[in-house]
Structures are given as structure tokens and as C-alpha cells.
Protein backbone atom coordinates (compact mmCIF):
# COMPACT_ATOMS: atom_id res chain seq x y z
CA MET A 1 -34.89 -13.01 14.89
CA PRO A 2 -34.72 -13.95 11.14
CA GLU A 3 -37.71 -15.53 9.64
CA PRO A 4 -37.52 -19.42 9.52
CA THR A 5 -36.70 -21.41 6.40
CA VAL A 6 -39.84 -23.53 5.75
CA ALA A 7 -40.23 -26.53 3.59
CA VAL A 8 -43.78 -27.01 1.96
CA LEU A 9 -44.17 -30.59 1.44
CA ALA A 10 -46.37 -31.38 -1.44
CA GLY A 11 -46.88 -33.93 -4.39
CA GLY A 12 -46.22 -37.45 -3.27
CA LEU A 13 -47.48 -40.42 -5.08
CA SER A 14 -51.11 -40.69 -3.95
CA HIS A 15 -54.13 -40.33 -6.21
CA GLU A 16 -54.38 -36.73 -4.95
CA ARG A 17 -50.78 -35.81 -6.19
CA ASP A 18 -52.13 -33.06 -8.60
CA VAL A 19 -54.26 -31.60 -5.88
CA SER A 20 -51.56 -31.56 -3.38
CA LEU A 21 -49.15 -29.61 -5.81
CA ARG A 22 -51.83 -26.97 -6.29
CA SER A 23 -52.12 -26.60 -2.54
CA GLY A 24 -48.43 -26.47 -2.00
CA ARG A 25 -47.97 -23.86 -4.69
CA ARG A 26 -50.73 -21.48 -3.34
CA LEU A 27 -49.47 -21.81 0.15
CA SER A 28 -45.92 -21.26 -0.94
CA VAL A 29 -46.91 -18.02 -2.56
CA ALA A 30 -48.83 -16.87 0.38
CA LEU A 31 -45.91 -17.45 2.70
CA ARG A 32 -43.52 -15.75 0.58
CA ASP A 33 -45.82 -12.62 0.60
CA GLN A 34 -45.31 -12.75 4.31
CA GLY A 35 -41.51 -12.53 3.88
CA ILE A 36 -40.90 -16.19 4.76
CA THR A 37 -38.21 -18.15 2.89
CA VAL A 38 -40.03 -21.25 1.38
CA ASP A 39 -38.65 -24.19 -0.49
CA GLU A 40 -41.32 -26.36 -2.25
CA TRP A 41 -40.30 -30.11 -1.73
CA ASP A 42 -41.81 -33.00 -3.48
CA THR A 43 -41.98 -36.04 -1.16
CA ASP A 44 -40.17 -39.04 -2.76
CA SER A 45 -37.52 -41.57 -1.76
CA GLY A 46 -35.06 -38.70 -1.13
CA LEU A 47 -37.14 -37.02 1.49
CA VAL A 48 -35.26 -38.33 4.50
CA ALA A 49 -31.92 -37.59 3.20
CA ARG A 50 -32.92 -34.18 2.18
CA LEU A 51 -34.39 -33.44 5.64
CA ARG A 52 -30.99 -34.43 7.24
CA ASP A 53 -28.93 -32.60 4.78
CA GLU A 54 -31.06 -29.35 4.27
CA ARG A 55 -32.87 -29.47 7.52
CA PRO A 56 -35.50 -26.63 7.48
CA ASP A 57 -36.65 -24.74 10.51
CA ALA A 58 -40.07 -26.06 9.97
CA ALA A 59 -42.18 -27.89 7.56
CA VAL A 60 -45.68 -27.52 6.42
CA ILE A 61 -47.53 -30.62 5.03
CA ALA A 62 -49.69 -29.72 1.97
CA LEU A 63 -49.88 -33.44 1.19
CA HIS A 64 -53.36 -34.99 0.57
CA GLY A 65 -54.15 -38.63 0.65
CA GLY A 66 -51.82 -41.37 1.63
CA GLU A 67 -48.63 -40.63 3.54
CA GLY A 68 -49.61 -37.00 4.05
CA GLU A 69 -52.77 -37.78 5.97
CA ASN A 70 -52.26 -41.11 7.44
CA GLY A 71 -49.31 -40.22 9.79
CA SER A 72 -46.41 -41.58 7.79
CA VAL A 73 -44.77 -38.19 6.87
CA GLN A 74 -45.51 -36.90 10.28
CA SER A 75 -43.82 -39.92 11.91
CA VAL A 76 -40.63 -39.20 9.68
CA LEU A 77 -40.58 -35.49 10.66
CA GLU A 78 -41.13 -36.44 14.46
CA MET A 79 -38.38 -39.16 14.18
CA LEU A 80 -36.00 -36.47 12.69
CA GLY A 81 -36.97 -33.80 15.14
CA VAL A 82 -38.30 -31.40 12.46
CA PRO A 83 -41.02 -29.02 13.67
CA PHE A 84 -44.07 -29.11 11.48
CA VAL A 85 -47.51 -27.51 11.29
CA GLY A 86 -50.46 -29.78 11.68
CA THR A 87 -51.49 -32.94 13.66
CA SER A 88 -49.28 -35.49 15.30
CA SER A 89 -48.79 -38.93 13.48
CA ARG A 90 -50.90 -40.79 16.05
CA SER A 91 -53.86 -38.46 15.71
CA CYS A 92 -53.48 -38.44 11.96
CA ARG A 93 -54.00 -42.22 11.84
CA LYS A 94 -57.41 -41.79 13.69
CA ALA A 95 -58.68 -39.03 11.59
CA TRP A 96 -57.54 -40.88 8.37
CA ASP A 97 -59.57 -43.98 9.07
CA LYS A 98 -63.11 -42.73 8.53
CA PRO A 99 -64.89 -45.54 10.43
CA ILE A 100 -62.72 -44.90 13.53
CA ALA A 101 -63.32 -41.28 13.41
CA LYS A 102 -66.98 -41.73 13.03
CA ALA A 103 -67.10 -44.22 15.98
CA LEU A 104 -65.21 -41.64 18.21
CA VAL A 105 -67.43 -38.69 17.32
CA ALA A 106 -70.49 -40.91 17.65
CA GLY A 107 -69.30 -42.02 21.02
CA ALA A 108 -69.45 -38.21 22.19
CA ASP A 109 -73.19 -38.03 21.24
CA PHE A 110 -72.70 -36.24 17.90
CA ALA A 111 -74.84 -37.51 15.01
CA THR A 112 -73.27 -39.33 12.04
CA PRO A 113 -75.02 -41.26 9.41
CA ASP A 114 -75.42 -45.07 10.17
CA TRP A 115 -72.72 -46.95 8.44
CA ILE A 116 -71.25 -50.42 7.63
CA VAL A 117 -67.65 -51.14 6.80
CA LEU A 118 -66.75 -54.14 4.67
CA PRO A 119 -63.57 -55.35 3.21
CA HIS A 120 -63.24 -56.65 -0.43
CA SER A 121 -62.73 -60.17 0.81
CA THR A 122 -66.20 -60.26 2.42
CA PHE A 123 -67.80 -60.00 -0.93
CA ARG A 124 -65.48 -62.59 -2.48
CA GLU A 125 -65.96 -65.07 0.30
CA LEU A 126 -69.62 -64.70 1.29
CA GLY A 127 -71.08 -63.87 -2.15
CA ALA A 128 -71.35 -60.35 -3.50
CA GLN A 129 -75.08 -60.28 -4.18
CA ALA A 130 -76.14 -61.65 -0.82
CA VAL A 131 -73.77 -58.99 0.92
CA LEU A 132 -75.35 -56.24 -1.16
CA ASP A 133 -78.85 -57.17 -0.44
CA ALA A 134 -77.95 -57.33 3.33
CA ILE A 135 -76.51 -53.67 3.07
CA VAL A 136 -79.67 -52.41 1.43
CA ASP A 137 -81.82 -54.15 3.97
CA ARG A 138 -79.95 -52.63 6.78
CA LEU A 139 -79.39 -49.03 5.46
CA GLY A 140 -81.75 -48.72 2.87
CA LEU A 141 -81.68 -46.53 -0.19
CA PRO A 142 -80.07 -44.11 -1.33
CA LEU A 143 -76.51 -44.99 -0.01
CA MET A 144 -73.34 -43.17 0.17
CA LEU A 145 -70.29 -45.27 -0.65
CA LYS A 146 -66.79 -44.24 -0.17
CA PRO A 147 -63.34 -45.80 0.67
CA ASP A 148 -62.68 -46.27 4.23
CA GLU A 149 -59.49 -44.17 3.81
CA GLY A 150 -58.65 -41.40 1.53
CA GLY A 151 -59.78 -37.88 0.61
CA SER A 152 -61.01 -35.61 -2.19
CA ALA A 153 -64.05 -37.77 -2.66
CA LEU A 154 -62.18 -40.22 -4.74
CA GLY A 155 -64.25 -43.34 -5.24
CA THR A 156 -67.31 -41.64 -3.46
CA GLN A 157 -70.49 -42.49 -5.07
CA VAL A 158 -74.37 -41.87 -4.34
CA VAL A 159 -76.27 -45.12 -5.10
CA ARG A 160 -80.05 -44.43 -5.61
CA ASN A 161 -81.25 -47.82 -6.63
CA ALA A 162 -80.14 -51.41 -5.96
CA ALA A 163 -79.16 -52.08 -9.72
CA GLU A 164 -76.34 -49.42 -9.53
CA LEU A 165 -74.80 -50.93 -6.41
CA PRO A 166 -72.39 -53.58 -7.91
CA ALA A 167 -70.76 -51.14 -10.34
CA ALA A 168 -70.67 -48.49 -7.61
CA MET A 169 -68.82 -51.07 -5.29
CA VAL A 170 -66.32 -51.92 -8.03
CA GLY A 171 -65.57 -48.11 -8.59
CA CYS A 172 -65.14 -47.68 -4.82
CA PHE A 173 -62.77 -50.61 -4.43
CA ALA A 174 -60.49 -49.16 -7.13
CA TYR A 175 -59.31 -46.72 -4.39
CA GLY A 176 -59.19 -49.03 -1.43
CA ASP A 177 -59.60 -52.55 -0.22
CA THR A 178 -62.32 -51.60 2.23
CA VAL A 179 -65.65 -49.73 1.51
CA LEU A 180 -67.64 -47.58 3.96
CA ALA A 181 -71.39 -47.70 3.23
CA GLU A 182 -73.55 -44.90 4.84
CA ARG A 183 -77.15 -44.06 5.00
CA PHE A 184 -77.49 -41.11 2.56
CA ILE A 185 -78.63 -37.91 4.34
CA ASP A 186 -80.30 -35.32 2.06
CA GLY A 187 -79.42 -31.77 3.29
CA VAL A 188 -77.18 -28.88 3.28
CA GLU A 189 -73.49 -29.73 3.01
CA VAL A 190 -71.05 -27.66 4.86
CA ALA A 191 -67.13 -27.50 5.60
CA VAL A 192 -66.01 -26.04 8.80
CA THR A 193 -62.51 -25.10 9.41
CA VAL A 194 -61.17 -25.21 12.95
CA LEU A 195 -58.21 -23.00 13.68
CA GLU A 196 -56.00 -23.24 17.02
CA GLY A 197 -54.76 -20.02 18.67
CA GLU A 198 -53.62 -19.20 22.20
CA ALA A 199 -57.26 -19.49 23.45
CA GLY A 200 -57.57 -23.03 21.91
CA PRO A 201 -59.41 -24.33 18.86
CA ARG A 202 -62.37 -22.29 17.32
CA ALA A 203 -64.66 -22.71 14.40
CA LEU A 204 -64.30 -20.31 11.35
CA PRO A 205 -67.32 -19.39 9.31
CA ALA A 206 -68.91 -22.47 7.76
CA VAL A 207 -68.79 -22.79 3.98
CA GLU A 208 -71.97 -24.05 2.37
CA ILE A 209 -71.37 -26.29 -0.63
CA VAL A 210 -73.81 -26.56 -3.58
CA PRO A 211 -72.49 -28.65 -6.42
CA GLU A 212 -73.95 -28.21 -9.82
CA ASN A 213 -74.64 -32.03 -10.30
CA GLY A 214 -75.94 -32.45 -6.72
CA VAL A 215 -72.76 -34.58 -5.65
CA TYR A 216 -69.56 -33.05 -4.21
CA ASP A 217 -67.26 -35.47 -5.95
CA TYR A 218 -63.70 -35.03 -7.11
CA THR A 219 -64.59 -32.99 -10.23
CA ALA A 220 -66.97 -30.71 -8.41
CA ARG A 221 -64.34 -30.05 -5.76
CA TYR A 222 -61.43 -29.01 -8.14
CA THR A 223 -63.04 -27.71 -11.23
CA ALA A 224 -63.98 -23.95 -11.18
CA GLY A 225 -67.51 -23.10 -11.64
CA LEU A 226 -69.08 -26.66 -11.07
CA THR A 227 -69.77 -25.75 -7.33
CA ASP A 228 -71.25 -22.72 -5.73
CA PHE A 229 -69.87 -21.79 -2.32
CA PHE A 230 -71.52 -19.66 0.21
CA THR A 231 -69.50 -18.18 2.93
CA PRO A 232 -70.83 -17.82 5.67
CA ALA A 233 -73.33 -20.71 5.03
CA ARG A 234 -76.97 -19.71 4.78
CA LEU A 235 -77.90 -21.28 8.10
CA SER A 236 -79.82 -20.07 11.09
CA GLU A 237 -77.86 -18.82 14.11
CA GLU A 238 -78.61 -21.94 16.15
CA THR A 239 -77.42 -24.27 13.37
CA VAL A 240 -74.28 -22.23 12.75
CA LYS A 241 -73.58 -22.76 16.59
CA ALA A 242 -74.18 -26.54 16.15
CA VAL A 243 -72.02 -27.01 13.19
CA GLY A 244 -69.22 -25.13 14.93
CA GLU A 245 -69.66 -27.19 18.09
CA LEU A 246 -69.41 -30.42 16.03
CA ALA A 247 -66.26 -29.26 14.16
CA VAL A 248 -64.39 -28.15 17.33
CA GLY A 249 -65.65 -31.43 19.14
CA ALA A 250 -64.26 -33.65 16.45
CA HIS A 251 -61.02 -31.66 16.44
CA ARG A 252 -60.58 -32.18 20.13
CA LEU A 253 -61.83 -35.77 20.25
CA LEU A 254 -59.48 -36.87 17.59
CA GLY A 255 -56.55 -34.89 19.03
CA LEU A 256 -55.95 -32.76 16.02
CA ARG A 257 -53.76 -29.66 15.98
CA ASP A 258 -53.22 -26.36 14.45
CA ILE A 259 -55.89 -26.46 11.59
CA SER A 260 -58.58 -29.11 10.43
CA ARG A 261 -61.54 -29.24 8.31
CA THR A 262 -64.76 -31.09 9.23
CA ASP A 263 -67.36 -32.01 6.73
CA ALA A 264 -70.86 -32.39 7.67
CA ILE A 265 -74.55 -32.29 6.46
CA VAL A 266 -77.40 -30.46 7.88
CA ALA A 267 -80.62 -32.29 7.55
CA SER A 268 -83.85 -30.72 6.90
CA ASP A 269 -84.98 -31.24 10.51
CA GLY A 270 -81.93 -29.38 11.60
CA THR A 271 -79.86 -32.25 12.78
CA VAL A 272 -76.15 -31.80 12.10
CA TYR A 273 -74.37 -35.08 10.91
CA PHE A 274 -70.59 -35.44 11.03
CA LEU A 275 -69.29 -37.04 7.88
CA GLU A 276 -65.49 -36.95 8.09
CA VAL A 277 -62.53 -34.81 9.15
CA ASN A 278 -59.38 -33.74 7.37
CA SER A 279 -56.11 -33.10 9.16
CA SER A 280 -54.50 -31.77 5.92
CA PRO A 281 -57.14 -29.86 4.28
CA GLY A 282 -56.85 -28.54 0.60
CA LEU A 283 -55.69 -25.06 -0.07
CA THR A 284 -56.26 -24.78 -3.61
CA GLU A 285 -58.28 -22.10 -5.47
CA THR A 286 -61.55 -24.04 -5.08
CA SER A 287 -60.88 -25.36 -1.48
CA THR A 288 -63.07 -24.21 1.49
CA VAL A 289 -60.30 -23.39 4.05
CA PRO A 290 -59.11 -20.25 2.13
CA MET A 291 -62.62 -19.18 1.88
CA ALA A 292 -63.28 -19.56 5.53
CA LEU A 293 -60.00 -17.54 6.32
CA GLU A 294 -61.07 -14.80 4.23
CA ALA A 295 -64.51 -14.73 5.70
CA ASP A 296 -62.96 -14.61 9.12
CA GLY A 297 -60.95 -11.56 8.11
CA THR A 298 -57.55 -13.04 7.64
CA SER A 299 -55.53 -14.75 4.89
CA LEU A 300 -53.77 -18.00 4.13
CA GLY A 301 -50.35 -16.48 4.52
CA ALA A 302 -50.99 -14.75 7.77
CA VAL A 303 -52.59 -17.71 9.39
CA PHE A 304 -49.96 -20.28 8.25
CA SER A 305 -47.17 -17.70 9.17
CA GLY A 306 -48.66 -17.86 12.82
CA LEU A 307 -48.92 -21.68 12.86
CA ILE A 308 -45.31 -21.93 11.57
CA SER A 309 -44.19 -19.74 14.67
CA ARG A 310 -46.14 -21.92 16.92
CA ALA A 311 -44.58 -25.14 15.52
CA VAL A 312 -40.99 -23.75 15.77
CA GLU A 313 -41.65 -22.77 19.53
CA ARG A 314 -42.98 -26.19 20.36
CA GLY A 315 -40.31 -28.02 18.67
CA SER A 316 -40.65 -31.43 17.00
């Protein structure tokens, strides 16, 4: 059987376009090293026509943010019957909405920081200062603010005193109309990749994340040298087991497929807190998924080559 022709979908128009292009380029090189014929496709208004005219044997979604993670591109591929690596459109939507993902995970008795979700209109209609005071009364300080949708930590900020809160809210609303405010958990931040095989999903070695400035924001994620990574994470055997169970549990609860990445915090008392899950994780030079794959004794190209074969076998 000849190797399939694969379209790596990257770019797009989200705030994470540059990161997506980097992921797409790295993945394309890795797949070509496996002998696979790869075309890199930017996702724009010509995508549907191109999928019809140049129909690939399979697609791999290396899009981050927006259409690449909220199920939109997945819906198009499903509609056109193009097999693809990754999660179905319906499950993408659950993972993309952080409050929904947190609620589903919390409902399965996993820990997640207490949270409040409020749209921009609430601050306008009920009075910004009164709402901000109520948030602090409920969750305390410090707080973690983030858009309720999106990735790459865009708009995410730690608020350590009440005077910082109004400006932090404005910065958060620049990336979405709804803000997720969480109780800040101080601890060890880890990223856990879950990979599916014939035996089902399993957690790869956790990656411990130690940003230079203490916050794993967009700059710390994608600028070499600003974050130290430890793979496997410097955790006890018991905690390693707990973070793996959390990641696999989130993967299953949200109906994710093929590969995902769960972000978590291990508090000083050993409690593992779920933060969010990514159905289309980054694959750049500073992304944690390739680090986890290497620690597991495999490579980006080998793993995605296998996932492509699985996608072709199962069809659209």
C-alpha cells in the first residue's frame, strides 16, 4: 500500500496563527522523514474548495485557537468525509469551552480550582467595581484570569492585589467576551500528554514547567530560554500516577481522540488540580508534547504516522 497523501492544516486567522504555523512546519518535516507525502495547507476561505479538488487521504489539524479547536474545521472535514487525526467536532466544542470542561471533570470527582464565569455585559450592566469586589470576596486573592475560550495562555493573568484587577479584566476581555476567574493555586505546573493506541488512552511522562518569571504566559511558552522543562516531572511516584489518571480521565470524559494534552497544578499538599485540556496541542520547539514523546522513547513523526494510519482506517 502506498503511503497516504496528508494535508497538514495550519495557520488560520486566530491570535495563535504564528504558533500554528510553527507547529505545522515541524510536524510536516517529521512526517516527511517517515516517508509520507505531506502538503502544508493554510486554512482560509479556499479550504473547502481545495479539500474537494485536491482531496487528501487524511488531514492533520495543527491549528491552535478558534476554528482549529472549537470544532469548526473538524465539522468541515466530517461533512466532506475527509479522515483526520484528532478529536471529533462535538467533543472539541466541550474541550474548547473551559468552564464546561472544568464542570465535567469536577463532576467526576477530580479537583479543579473554584471558578466564576462572567460575560463582559455583566460588568457593564451591574457595575464593574461591585462585580469585581464580589469576585474577590468569593474567590479571594491571588486570582487567575483567563478568557473562557482560547489557548496559548493569551489574555491569562495572575492578579495578586485588588488594585490590579480592573486592568487585568480589560486585558482578558481583549481576547474574548467572557472571563473565567479561578482561585489561584500555587504549586508545580505540569502538562500531561495522552496518546491513544490499540489498548486505549495512556498518559505519557508528565512535563514539569518552571517559567522564569513565575507565570507560564504566551511569551514564556514560545520564547526559548524563558522556561525550564523537566521530563519526566520531578514528582513522587504517587503523584505521577495521580496526574496521569487525571489526564486520561479528562481525555475520556470529554470524548477526546488520538492525542490530547491536559494542564494541571500539583499543590503543596499533593492535590492535583485540573486546569484545562487541549484537543490540538502545540508541536513547536518549546511545546511539551514533543518532549513527552521523546521521554516515552518515540518521536513526533512516528507517533503521528501511526495516528494517520488509524484515521485512514476508521474513515471520516
